[in-house]
N, C-alpha and C. Protein backbone atom coordinates (compact mmCIF):
# COMPACT_ATOMS: atom_id res chain seq x y z
N MET A 1 77.30 181.82 121.42
CA MET A 1 78.54 182.11 122.48
C MET A 1 78.90 180.70 123.11
N SER A 2 78.00 180.39 123.84
CA SER A 2 78.23 179.20 124.72
C SER A 2 78.40 177.73 123.83
N VAL A 3 77.66 177.55 122.81
CA VAL A 3 77.98 176.49 121.98
C VAL A 3 79.20 176.42 121.40
N GLU A 4 79.46 177.67 120.79
CA GLU A 4 80.92 177.72 120.45
C GLU A 4 82.29 177.28 121.52
N ARG A 5 81.83 177.74 122.72
CA ARG A 5 82.87 177.43 123.85
C ARG A 5 82.63 175.93 124.28
N PHE A 6 81.62 175.55 124.01
CA PHE A 6 81.48 174.00 124.38
C PHE A 6 82.07 173.29 123.64
N TRP A 7 82.26 173.54 122.19
CA TRP A 7 82.90 172.88 120.93
C TRP A 7 84.46 173.08 121.46
N GLU A 8 84.66 174.14 121.58
CA GLU A 8 86.07 174.64 122.02
C GLU A 8 86.30 173.53 123.17
N LEU A 9 85.74 173.47 124.06
CA LEU A 9 86.11 172.56 125.29
C LEU A 9 86.29 170.98 124.79
N VAL A 10 85.38 170.35 123.81
CA VAL A 10 85.21 169.38 123.41
C VAL A 10 86.71 169.03 122.43
N ASP A 11 86.95 169.90 121.87
CA ASP A 11 88.20 170.00 121.02
C ASP A 11 89.42 169.94 121.94
N ALA A 12 89.62 170.88 123.09
CA ALA A 12 90.55 170.69 123.77
C ALA A 12 90.86 169.14 124.59
N ALA A 13 89.56 168.81 124.81
CA ALA A 13 89.78 167.27 125.53
C ALA A 13 90.05 166.24 124.49
N ARG A 14 89.73 166.57 123.54
CA ARG A 14 90.17 165.30 122.27
C ARG A 14 91.58 165.59 122.02
N ALA A 15 92.19 166.85 121.99
CA ALA A 15 93.77 166.98 121.71
C ALA A 15 94.37 166.51 123.03
N SER A 16 93.85 166.30 123.89
CA SER A 16 94.76 165.76 125.05
C SER A 16 94.54 164.35 125.84
N VAL A 17 93.96 163.57 124.86
CA VAL A 17 93.94 162.35 125.04
C VAL A 17 94.42 161.48 124.16
N GLU A 18 94.73 160.08 124.69
CA GLU A 18 95.49 159.17 123.55
C GLU A 18 94.75 158.92 122.44
N ASP A 19 93.59 158.60 122.48
CA ASP A 19 92.58 158.18 121.23
C ASP A 19 91.29 159.12 121.41
N PRO A 20 91.35 160.20 120.62
CA PRO A 20 90.47 161.16 120.45
C PRO A 20 89.11 160.66 119.95
N SER A 21 89.04 159.08 118.90
CA SER A 21 88.03 158.69 119.06
C SER A 21 87.09 157.99 120.10
N ASP A 22 88.08 157.85 121.27
CA ASP A 22 87.40 157.18 122.08
C ASP A 22 86.57 157.90 123.16
N GLY A 23 85.18 157.93 123.23
CA GLY A 23 84.32 158.95 123.70
C GLY A 23 84.39 158.82 125.29
N ASP A 24 84.84 157.72 125.81
CA ASP A 24 84.98 157.64 127.31
C ASP A 24 86.21 158.45 127.63
N GLN A 25 87.35 158.37 127.12
CA GLN A 25 88.38 159.17 127.11
C GLN A 25 88.31 160.53 126.92
N VAL A 26 87.45 160.90 126.10
CA VAL A 26 86.96 162.66 125.64
C VAL A 26 86.11 163.15 126.95
N GLY A 27 85.40 162.22 127.26
CA GLY A 27 84.28 162.68 128.28
C GLY A 27 84.84 162.81 129.93
N ALA A 28 86.00 161.96 129.85
CA ALA A 28 86.71 162.21 131.12
C ALA A 28 87.80 163.35 131.16
N ARG A 29 88.19 163.54 130.18
CA ARG A 29 89.07 164.73 130.00
C ARG A 29 88.05 166.00 130.05
N ALA A 30 87.04 166.07 129.48
CA ALA A 30 86.50 167.08 129.53
C ALA A 30 85.65 167.40 130.85
N ARG A 31 85.39 166.53 131.74
CA ARG A 31 84.90 166.38 132.89
C ARG A 31 86.09 167.11 133.55
N GLN A 32 87.31 166.87 133.70
CA GLN A 32 88.57 167.65 134.12
C GLN A 32 88.81 169.00 133.90
N LEU A 33 88.62 169.24 132.50
CA LEU A 33 88.54 170.77 132.24
C LEU A 33 87.26 171.29 132.69
N LEU A 34 86.02 171.02 132.86
CA LEU A 34 84.98 171.73 133.24
C LEU A 34 85.24 171.74 134.83
N GLU A 35 85.84 171.22 135.62
CA GLU A 35 86.07 170.99 136.95
C GLU A 35 87.00 172.50 137.30
N GLU A 36 87.88 172.65 136.54
CA GLU A 36 88.66 173.96 136.78
C GLU A 36 87.80 175.31 136.23
N LEU A 37 86.66 175.25 135.75
CA LEU A 37 86.11 176.44 135.38
C LEU A 37 85.28 177.13 136.48
N PRO A 38 84.77 178.31 136.50
CA PRO A 38 83.93 178.77 137.51
C PRO A 38 82.44 178.18 137.01
N LEU A 39 81.79 178.20 138.32
CA LEU A 39 80.25 177.94 138.35
C LEU A 39 79.70 178.35 137.10
N ASP A 40 79.52 179.68 136.98
CA ASP A 40 78.76 180.25 135.98
C ASP A 40 79.30 179.96 134.40
N GLU A 41 80.09 179.53 134.34
CA GLU A 41 80.71 179.03 133.01
C GLU A 41 80.24 177.78 133.00
N VAL A 42 80.52 176.83 133.81
CA VAL A 42 79.65 175.81 133.55
C VAL A 42 78.42 175.54 133.46
N ALA A 43 77.56 176.36 133.97
CA ALA A 43 76.34 176.37 133.90
C ALA A 43 76.10 177.02 132.08
N ALA A 44 76.50 177.95 131.74
CA ALA A 44 76.68 178.25 130.10
C ALA A 44 76.93 177.30 129.54
N LEU A 45 77.97 176.29 129.98
CA LEU A 45 78.14 175.30 129.10
C LEU A 45 77.39 174.11 128.82
N ALA A 46 76.47 173.74 130.25
CA ALA A 46 75.48 172.77 130.64
C ALA A 46 74.27 173.42 129.39
N ARG A 47 73.99 174.55 129.52
CA ARG A 47 72.99 175.00 128.83
C ARG A 47 73.29 174.67 127.37
N ALA A 48 74.66 175.08 126.67
CA ALA A 48 75.00 174.65 125.44
C ALA A 48 74.73 173.21 125.01
N GLU A 49 75.38 172.50 126.12
CA GLU A 49 75.03 171.10 125.84
C GLU A 49 73.62 170.62 125.59
N TRP A 50 72.71 170.80 126.40
CA TRP A 50 71.44 170.78 126.22
C TRP A 50 70.95 171.33 125.20
N GLU A 51 71.23 172.55 124.29
CA GLU A 51 70.95 172.69 122.77
C GLU A 51 71.25 171.75 122.24
N LEU A 52 72.47 171.15 122.40
CA LEU A 52 72.81 170.25 121.45
C LEU A 52 72.47 168.74 121.39
N ARG A 53 72.08 168.63 122.59
CA ARG A 53 71.54 167.13 122.91
C ARG A 53 69.96 167.12 122.05
N ALA A 54 69.33 168.35 122.62
CA ALA A 54 67.81 168.35 122.01
C ALA A 54 68.07 168.62 120.33
N ARG A 55 68.83 169.11 119.57
CA ARG A 55 69.41 169.12 118.35
C ARG A 55 69.32 167.75 117.84
N SER A 56 69.87 166.96 118.43
CA SER A 56 70.32 165.74 118.32
C SER A 56 69.18 164.24 118.78
N TYR A 57 68.25 164.88 119.19
CA TYR A 57 67.14 163.82 119.50
C TYR A 57 66.40 163.80 118.56
N ARG A 58 66.72 163.27 117.51
CA ARG A 58 65.79 162.73 116.16
C ARG A 58 65.38 161.17 116.09
N VAL A 59 64.68 161.01 115.23
CA VAL A 59 64.29 159.61 115.06
C VAL A 59 65.29 159.07 114.25
N ASP A 60 65.67 159.72 112.95
CA ASP A 60 66.47 159.37 112.06
C ASP A 60 67.92 158.76 112.51
N LEU A 61 68.48 159.72 113.65
CA LEU A 61 69.82 159.25 114.22
C LEU A 61 69.52 158.29 115.27
N TRP A 62 68.28 158.17 115.88
CA TRP A 62 68.00 156.92 116.74
C TRP A 62 68.12 155.77 115.90
N GLY A 63 67.74 155.62 114.91
CA GLY A 63 67.56 154.65 113.75
C GLY A 63 69.09 154.32 113.52
N ALA A 64 70.05 155.29 113.24
CA ALA A 64 71.24 154.76 112.68
C ALA A 64 72.16 154.51 113.78
N ALA A 65 71.91 155.03 114.98
CA ALA A 65 72.33 154.24 116.36
C ALA A 65 72.06 152.88 116.47
N TYR A 66 70.88 152.53 116.35
CA TYR A 66 70.40 151.14 116.34
C TYR A 66 70.88 150.10 115.65
N LEU A 67 71.18 150.78 114.26
CA LEU A 67 71.85 149.95 112.95
C LEU A 67 73.49 149.56 113.60
N ILE A 68 74.16 151.02 114.05
CA ILE A 68 75.48 150.94 114.13
C ILE A 68 75.72 149.74 115.66
N ASN A 69 75.25 150.12 116.48
CA ASN A 69 75.29 149.38 117.69
C ASN A 69 74.35 148.07 117.96
N GLY A 70 73.88 147.58 116.68
CA GLY A 70 73.08 146.26 116.98
C GLY A 70 71.83 146.47 117.95
N GLY A 71 71.13 147.53 118.06
CA GLY A 71 70.09 148.00 119.29
C GLY A 71 70.18 149.09 119.88
N CYS A 72 69.32 149.68 120.13
CA CYS A 72 69.53 150.91 120.91
C CYS A 72 68.21 151.42 121.66
N SER A 73 68.51 151.11 123.06
CA SER A 73 67.33 151.63 123.99
C SER A 73 67.30 153.28 124.35
N ASP A 74 66.49 153.76 125.01
CA ASP A 74 66.42 155.02 125.25
C ASP A 74 68.01 155.68 125.96
N ASP A 75 68.35 154.86 126.96
CA ASP A 75 69.52 155.32 127.48
C ASP A 75 71.06 154.95 126.53
N GLY A 76 70.61 153.76 125.73
CA GLY A 76 71.96 153.75 124.73
C GLY A 76 71.70 154.90 123.93
N PHE A 77 70.57 155.25 123.28
CA PHE A 77 70.42 156.52 122.35
C PHE A 77 71.21 157.87 123.10
N GLU A 78 71.26 157.90 124.27
CA GLU A 78 71.74 159.07 125.01
C GLU A 78 73.21 158.82 124.70
N TYR A 79 73.72 157.80 125.11
CA TYR A 79 75.26 157.58 125.60
C TYR A 79 75.41 157.51 123.99
N PHE A 80 74.95 156.84 123.03
CA PHE A 80 75.41 157.22 121.51
C PHE A 80 75.68 158.59 121.51
N ARG A 81 74.52 159.45 121.61
CA ARG A 81 74.96 160.84 121.30
C ARG A 81 75.98 161.64 122.25
N GLY A 82 76.23 160.79 123.31
CA GLY A 82 77.41 161.53 123.88
C GLY A 82 78.78 161.04 123.36
N TRP A 83 78.97 159.67 122.53
CA TRP A 83 79.92 159.51 121.66
C TRP A 83 80.02 160.46 120.68
N LEU A 84 78.57 160.66 120.18
CA LEU A 84 78.73 161.61 118.73
C LEU A 84 79.33 163.03 119.11
N MET A 85 78.94 163.55 120.31
CA MET A 85 79.29 164.88 120.94
C MET A 85 81.04 164.72 120.83
N ALA A 86 81.31 163.55 121.22
CA ALA A 86 82.63 163.35 121.70
C ALA A 86 83.60 163.14 120.47
N GLN A 87 83.01 163.19 119.25
CA GLN A 87 83.79 163.24 118.16
C GLN A 87 84.24 164.51 117.26
N GLY A 88 83.70 165.66 118.04
CA GLY A 88 83.71 166.68 117.50
C GLY A 88 82.60 167.56 116.69
N ARG A 89 82.53 168.75 116.45
CA ARG A 89 81.52 169.28 115.92
C ARG A 89 81.47 168.90 114.65
N GLU A 90 82.44 168.84 113.68
CA GLU A 90 82.12 168.67 112.15
C GLU A 90 81.31 167.32 112.05
N VAL A 91 82.00 166.23 112.92
CA VAL A 91 81.05 164.99 112.84
C VAL A 91 79.86 164.99 113.07
N PHE A 92 79.73 165.76 114.57
CA PHE A 92 78.18 165.84 115.11
C PHE A 92 77.13 166.61 114.17
N GLU A 93 77.78 167.90 113.36
CA GLU A 93 76.91 168.41 112.89
C GLU A 93 76.54 167.75 111.50
N ARG A 94 77.44 167.08 111.09
CA ARG A 94 77.13 166.33 109.65
C ARG A 94 76.27 165.35 110.05
N ALA A 95 76.23 164.63 111.12
CA ALA A 95 75.41 163.48 111.62
C ALA A 95 73.88 163.71 111.88
N VAL A 96 73.95 165.07 112.58
CA VAL A 96 72.68 165.52 112.65
C VAL A 96 71.86 165.99 111.55
N ALA A 97 72.48 166.42 110.71
CA ALA A 97 72.20 166.71 109.30
C ALA A 97 71.58 165.59 108.58
N ASP A 98 72.49 164.79 108.31
CA ASP A 98 72.47 163.44 107.71
C ASP A 98 73.08 162.28 108.37
N PRO A 99 72.20 161.44 109.38
CA PRO A 99 72.80 160.40 110.08
C PRO A 99 73.66 159.20 109.04
N ASP A 100 73.02 159.17 107.99
CA ASP A 100 74.06 158.25 106.93
C ASP A 100 75.47 158.64 106.45
N THR A 101 75.85 159.81 107.23
CA THR A 101 77.24 160.11 106.82
C THR A 101 78.11 159.78 107.78
N LEU A 102 77.50 158.98 108.96
CA LEU A 102 78.16 158.19 109.97
C LEU A 102 79.15 157.20 109.39
N ALA A 103 78.50 156.52 108.25
CA ALA A 103 79.16 155.56 107.31
C ALA A 103 80.66 155.86 107.24
N GLY A 104 81.26 157.08 107.06
CA GLY A 104 82.42 157.59 106.57
C GLY A 104 83.49 158.02 108.14
N VAL A 105 82.59 157.77 109.23
CA VAL A 105 83.48 158.13 110.33
C VAL A 105 84.46 156.77 110.97
N PRO A 106 85.55 157.10 111.24
CA PRO A 106 86.48 155.95 111.78
C PRO A 106 85.62 155.32 112.94
N GLY A 107 85.93 154.08 113.03
CA GLY A 107 85.37 153.19 113.96
C GLY A 107 83.88 153.04 114.00
N VAL A 108 83.30 153.63 113.13
CA VAL A 108 81.67 153.30 112.71
C VAL A 108 81.79 151.87 111.70
N GLY A 109 81.30 150.83 112.28
CA GLY A 109 81.28 149.69 111.60
C GLY A 109 82.26 148.62 111.93
N ALA A 110 83.13 148.65 113.25
CA ALA A 110 83.91 148.23 113.50
C ALA A 110 83.76 147.05 114.53
N GLY A 111 82.29 146.98 114.82
CA GLY A 111 81.90 146.19 115.61
C GLY A 111 81.88 146.60 117.24
N GLN A 112 82.10 147.32 117.23
CA GLN A 112 81.93 148.00 118.65
C GLN A 112 80.76 149.01 118.92
N ASP A 113 80.41 148.73 120.37
CA ASP A 113 79.11 149.80 120.59
C ASP A 113 79.73 150.96 120.82
N LEU A 114 79.37 152.11 120.14
CA LEU A 114 79.60 153.50 120.03
C LEU A 114 78.65 154.45 121.00
N GLU A 115 79.20 154.24 122.42
CA GLU A 115 78.59 154.60 123.39
C GLU A 115 79.83 155.87 124.09
N ALA A 116 79.22 156.66 124.90
CA ALA A 116 80.14 157.24 126.10
C ALA A 116 79.22 157.98 126.87
N GLU A 117 78.77 157.06 127.84
CA GLU A 117 77.87 157.74 129.15
C GLU A 117 78.56 158.67 129.75
N ASP A 118 79.91 158.72 129.84
CA ASP A 118 80.56 159.74 130.57
C ASP A 118 80.53 161.55 130.01
N MET A 119 80.03 161.38 128.49
CA MET A 119 80.53 162.43 127.80
C MET A 119 78.81 163.05 127.76
N PHE A 120 77.83 162.02 127.57
CA PHE A 120 76.66 162.59 127.56
C PHE A 120 76.05 163.54 128.89
N GLY A 121 75.91 164.56 128.90
CA GLY A 121 75.67 165.30 129.98
C GLY A 121 76.60 166.00 130.97
N VAL A 122 77.94 165.74 130.35
CA VAL A 122 79.23 166.12 131.21
C VAL A 122 79.29 167.37 131.87
N ALA A 123 78.71 168.39 130.99
CA ALA A 123 78.55 169.46 131.99
C ALA A 123 77.62 169.65 132.73
N ASN A 124 76.24 169.22 132.54
CA ASN A 124 75.17 169.07 133.41
C ASN A 124 75.60 168.39 134.63
N GLY A 125 76.59 167.28 134.61
CA GLY A 125 76.79 166.65 135.79
C GLY A 125 77.99 167.39 136.79
N VAL A 126 78.70 167.92 135.98
CA VAL A 126 79.82 168.73 136.79
C VAL A 126 78.91 169.90 137.42
N TYR A 127 77.99 170.55 136.85
CA TYR A 127 77.28 171.70 137.47
C TYR A 127 76.53 170.83 138.71
N TRP A 128 76.00 169.60 138.74
CA TRP A 128 74.97 169.10 139.49
C TRP A 128 75.82 168.71 140.87
N GLU A 129 77.41 168.20 140.48
CA GLU A 129 78.05 168.08 141.63
C GLU A 129 78.62 169.35 142.49
N ARG A 130 78.72 170.36 141.74
CA ARG A 130 79.73 171.30 142.40
C ARG A 130 78.27 172.53 143.03
N ALA A 131 77.08 172.30 142.35
CA ALA A 131 76.22 173.27 142.76
C ALA A 131 74.90 172.57 143.79
N GLY A 132 74.83 171.18 143.57
CA GLY A 132 73.97 170.68 144.22
C GLY A 132 72.56 170.55 143.86
N GLU A 133 72.26 171.02 142.60
CA GLU A 133 71.02 171.08 141.98
C GLU A 133 71.17 171.45 140.31
N ALA A 134 70.25 171.21 139.77
CA ALA A 134 70.34 171.21 138.10
C ALA A 134 70.87 172.50 137.65
N PRO A 135 71.61 172.65 136.57
CA PRO A 135 71.69 174.09 136.06
C PRO A 135 70.53 174.77 135.51
N PRO A 136 70.53 176.21 135.72
CA PRO A 136 69.43 176.58 135.30
C PRO A 136 69.21 176.74 133.51
N ASP A 137 68.04 177.15 133.57
CA ASP A 137 67.77 177.16 131.83
C ASP A 137 67.80 175.82 130.82
N THR A 138 67.63 174.51 131.40
CA THR A 138 67.76 173.58 130.54
C THR A 138 66.82 173.62 129.61
N VAL A 139 67.07 172.85 128.31
CA VAL A 139 66.19 172.97 127.39
C VAL A 139 65.14 171.64 127.01
N ARG A 140 64.32 171.85 126.66
CA ARG A 140 63.28 170.65 126.47
C ARG A 140 63.53 169.92 125.11
N TYR A 141 63.56 168.66 125.30
CA TYR A 141 63.71 167.85 124.10
C TYR A 141 62.08 168.11 123.15
N PRO A 142 62.59 168.19 121.73
CA PRO A 142 61.40 168.42 120.96
C PRO A 142 60.71 166.84 120.77
N LYS A 143 59.53 166.80 120.30
CA LYS A 143 58.74 165.79 119.98
C LYS A 143 59.67 165.01 119.11
N LEU A 144 59.63 163.66 119.27
CA LEU A 144 60.63 162.65 118.32
C LEU A 144 59.94 162.92 116.89
N GLY A 145 58.45 162.46 116.99
CA GLY A 145 58.01 162.34 115.54
C GLY A 145 57.84 161.09 115.69
N ASP A 146 57.63 160.65 114.40
CA ASP A 146 57.07 159.03 114.23
C ASP A 146 58.44 158.13 113.96
N PHE A 147 58.13 157.20 114.65
CA PHE A 147 59.13 156.11 114.53
C PHE A 147 58.97 155.42 113.40
N TRP A 148 60.03 154.65 112.98
CA TRP A 148 59.99 153.52 111.73
C TRP A 148 60.48 152.39 112.21
N ASP A 149 60.33 151.22 111.85
CA ASP A 149 60.74 150.04 112.08
C ASP A 149 62.39 149.89 111.93
N PHE A 150 63.35 150.10 112.88
CA PHE A 150 64.34 150.22 112.90
C PHE A 150 65.01 148.48 112.51
N ASP A 151 64.14 147.34 112.66
CA ASP A 151 64.57 146.26 112.20
C ASP A 151 64.19 145.78 111.06
N ASP A 152 63.27 146.83 109.95
CA ASP A 152 62.82 146.46 108.70
C ASP A 152 64.15 146.83 107.87
N ASP A 153 64.55 145.63 107.27
CA ASP A 153 65.89 145.87 106.61
C ASP A 153 65.68 146.80 105.14
N ASP A 154 64.67 146.44 104.68
CA ASP A 154 64.21 147.41 103.48
C ASP A 154 64.18 148.83 103.88
N GLU A 155 63.62 148.92 104.99
CA GLU A 155 63.26 150.66 105.50
C GLU A 155 64.67 151.07 105.82
N VAL A 156 65.55 150.50 106.54
CA VAL A 156 66.85 150.93 106.99
C VAL A 156 67.66 151.15 105.66
N ARG A 157 67.73 150.39 104.52
CA ARG A 157 68.51 150.27 103.58
C ARG A 157 67.77 151.85 102.51
N ARG A 158 66.77 152.04 102.70
CA ARG A 158 65.99 153.01 102.14
C ARG A 158 66.69 154.51 102.59
N ARG A 159 66.66 154.43 104.00
CA ARG A 159 66.62 155.51 104.85
C ARG A 159 68.13 155.80 105.16
N LEU A 160 69.00 154.51 105.30
CA LEU A 160 70.47 154.79 105.67
C LEU A 160 71.35 154.00 104.59
N PRO A 161 71.29 154.39 103.65
CA PRO A 161 71.93 153.31 102.39
C PRO A 161 73.26 153.03 103.07
N ARG A 162 74.52 154.11 103.12
CA ARG A 162 75.49 153.79 103.23
C ARG A 162 76.05 152.82 104.63
N LEU A 163 74.93 153.31 105.35
CA LEU A 163 75.27 152.87 106.86
C LEU A 163 74.90 151.10 106.82
N HIS A 164 73.65 151.12 105.92
CA HIS A 164 73.40 149.52 105.79
C HIS A 164 74.36 148.69 105.25
N ALA A 165 74.92 149.44 103.85
CA ALA A 165 75.94 148.71 103.37
C ALA A 165 77.12 148.10 104.29
N THR A 166 77.42 148.95 105.48
CA THR A 166 78.68 148.66 106.40
C THR A 166 78.11 147.87 107.42
N HIS A 167 76.95 147.74 107.52
CA HIS A 167 76.59 147.01 108.94
C HIS A 167 75.71 145.58 108.40
N ARG A 168 75.25 145.71 107.46
CA ARG A 168 74.35 144.19 107.22
C ARG A 168 75.17 143.04 106.27
């Protein structure tokens, strides 16, 4: 229920901004919408957001972010995932299942960093501001697994062929 509600909030934010592909605009609007909700609903949405953050905490997606943004630190990966959430459920779900699908997303490959710091942790941040503490029931990130060399052109081509074709 809460994950569904989180995506409804993202859809509402996307529908009410000038450029729904701009993760910062979506994040700012999502924050406004969250500030209007009761604290217990914000807590439920923060939990749902943590679930999505944990699901997207994957080495293959990090490799895609590294390729798209021309490098990707720990923080950069978080902000990339914020941008990804701001693109809506369909884009997010496809990218988590297969990061190479990002090659078909508008704006990917346009030479700009795809990051949205304000969107990553938006519900968590609103809860913190209002309650003065972390929301209950946060989710732990899974073990990332083995990294591969994001700078190895052959490995990138093998793992992310569509993205590689648009970024090399």
